[in-house]
Amino acid sequence: MRVTGKVKFFTDEKGFGFIMPDDGGPEVFVHRTDLARSLNILLSDQRVSYELIDNPRRGGGKKAANVELV
């Protein structure tokens, strides 16, 4: 199931950022490696859709995967 949201920020030099989901839940971590092939960077306030998956590096939290522009 895909979720939609808006990019809170994305740091190109570090390759990660956060997305604010439209449903009002907690912000979601996103890494450059989880962007769709057509993307290599995200910009603040861009609308995106993504899959929410387990993130083993963040203590069992969630992260965005297969992120695409809406």
C-alpha atoms as a PDB file:
ATOM      1  CA  MET A   1       0.000   0.000   0.000  1.00  0.00           C
ATOM      2  CA  ARG A   2       1.344   3.422  -0.971  1.00  0.00           C
ATOM      3  CA  VAL A   3       1.257   6.426   1.324  1.00  0.00           C
ATOM      4  CA  THR A   4       1.403  10.094   0.313  1.00  0.00           C
ATOM      5  CA  GLY A   5       3.089  13.022   1.998  1.00  0.00           C
ATOM      6  CA  LYS A   6       5.240  16.125   1.611  1.00  0.00           C
ATOM      7  CA  VAL A   7       9.031  16.347   1.884  1.00  0.00           C
ATOM      8  CA  LYS A   8       9.947  18.131   5.123  1.00  0.00           C
ATOM      9  CA  PHE A   9      13.609  18.390   4.089  1.00  0.00           C
ATOM     10  CA  PHE A  10      16.251  16.441   2.211  1.00  0.00           C
ATOM     11  CA  THR A  11      20.002  16.953   2.575  1.00  0.00           C
ATOM     12  CA  ASP A  12      21.726  16.237  -0.732  1.00  0.00           C
ATOM     13  CA  GLU A  13      25.256  16.044   0.723  1.00  0.00           C
ATOM     14  CA  LYS A  14      24.182  13.510   3.377  1.00  0.00           C
ATOM     15  CA  GLY A  15      21.659  11.730   1.145  1.00  0.00           C
ATOM     16  CA  PHE A  16      18.696  11.590   3.502  1.00  0.00           C
ATOM     17  CA  GLY A  17      15.719  13.523   4.794  1.00  0.00           C
ATOM     18  CA  PHE A  18      12.213  13.234   6.201  1.00  0.00           C
ATOM     19  CA  ILE A  19       8.677  13.123   4.811  1.00  0.00           C
ATOM     20  CA  MET A  20       5.565  14.351   6.628  1.00  0.00           C
ATOM     21  CA  PRO A  21       2.726  11.892   5.853  1.00  0.00           C
ATOM     22  CA  ASP A  22      -0.653  13.283   4.794  1.00  0.00           C
ATOM     23  CA  ASP A  23      -2.396  11.264   7.525  1.00  0.00           C
ATOM     24  CA  GLY A  24      -0.694  13.352  10.222  1.00  0.00           C
ATOM     25  CA  GLY A  25       1.459  10.527  11.591  1.00  0.00           C
ATOM     26  CA  PRO A  26       5.101  10.887  12.644  1.00  0.00           C
ATOM     27  CA  GLU A  27       7.694  12.019  10.094  1.00  0.00           C
ATOM     28  CA  VAL A  28       9.223   9.246   8.013  1.00  0.00           C
ATOM     29  CA  PHE A  29      12.944   8.797   7.292  1.00  0.00           C
ATOM     30  CA  VAL A  30      13.970   8.596   3.621  1.00  0.00           C
ATOM     31  CA  HIS A  31      17.407   7.709   2.216  1.00  0.00           C
ATOM     32  CA  ARG A  32      18.656   8.434  -1.296  1.00  0.00           C
ATOM     33  CA  THR A  33      18.832   4.693  -2.021  1.00  0.00           C
ATOM     34  CA  ASP A  34      15.059   4.467  -1.487  1.00  0.00           C
ATOM     35  CA  LEU A  35      14.181   6.946  -4.254  1.00  0.00           C
ATOM     36  CA  ALA A  36      12.700   5.709  -7.536  1.00  0.00           C
ATOM     37  CA  ARG A  37      15.231   5.331 -10.353  1.00  0.00           C
ATOM     38  CA  SER A  38      14.046   8.568 -11.946  1.00  0.00           C
ATOM     39  CA  LEU A  39      14.999  10.575  -8.811  1.00  0.00           C
ATOM     40  CA  ASN A  40      18.324  11.323  -7.173  1.00  0.00           C
ATOM     41  CA  ILE A  41      17.251  14.150  -4.852  1.00  0.00           C
ATOM     42  CA  LEU A  42      14.123  15.481  -3.158  1.00  0.00           C
ATOM     43  CA  LEU A  43      13.249  19.118  -2.523  1.00  0.00           C
ATOM     44  CA  SER A  44      11.379  20.567   0.444  1.00  0.00           C
ATOM     45  CA  ASP A  45       7.594  20.698  -0.022  1.00  0.00           C
ATOM     46  CA  GLN A  46       7.547  18.224  -2.947  1.00  0.00           C
ATOM     47  CA  ARG A  47       4.538  15.885  -2.895  1.00  0.00           C
ATOM     48  CA  VAL A  48       5.550  12.217  -2.916  1.00  0.00           C
ATOM     49  CA  SER A  49       4.109   8.731  -2.624  1.00  0.00           C
ATOM     50  CA  TYR A  50       6.003   5.874  -1.020  1.00  0.00           C
ATOM     51  CA  GLU A  51       5.834   2.478   0.622  1.00  0.00           C
ATOM     52  CA  LEU A  52       6.243   2.362   4.391  1.00  0.00           C
ATOM     53  CA  ILE A  53       8.647  -0.422   5.414  1.00  0.00           C
ATOM     54  CA  ASP A  54      10.535  -1.513   8.536  1.00  0.00           C
ATOM     55  CA  ASN A  55      13.857   0.257   9.092  1.00  0.00           C
ATOM     56  CA  PRO A  56      16.320  -2.073  10.844  1.00  0.00           C
ATOM     57  CA  ARG A  57      18.763   0.815  11.439  1.00  0.00           C
ATOM     58  CA  ARG A  58      16.304   2.975  13.418  1.00  0.00           C
ATOM     59  CA  GLY A  59      15.382   0.654  16.253  1.00  0.00           C
ATOM     60  CA  GLY A  60      12.449  -1.014  14.538  1.00  0.00           C
ATOM     61  CA  GLY A  61      10.962   2.215  13.208  1.00  0.00           C
ATOM     62  CA  LYS A  62       9.662   2.771   9.688  1.00  0.00           C
ATOM     63  CA  LYS A  63      11.180   4.350   6.600  1.00  0.00           C
ATOM     64  CA  ALA A  64      10.028   5.329   3.123  1.00  0.00           C
ATOM     65  CA  ALA A  65      10.860   3.104   0.139  1.00  0.00           C
ATOM     66  CA  ASN A  66      10.211   3.358  -3.605  1.00  0.00           C
ATOM     67  CA  VAL A  67       9.628   7.106  -3.274  1.00  0.00           C
ATOM     68  CA  GLU A  68       8.075   8.782  -6.334  1.00  0.00           C
ATOM     69  CA  LEU A  69       6.822  12.281  -7.102  1.00  0.00           C
ATOM     70  CA  VAL A  70       3.053  12.725  -7.158  1.00  0.00           C
END
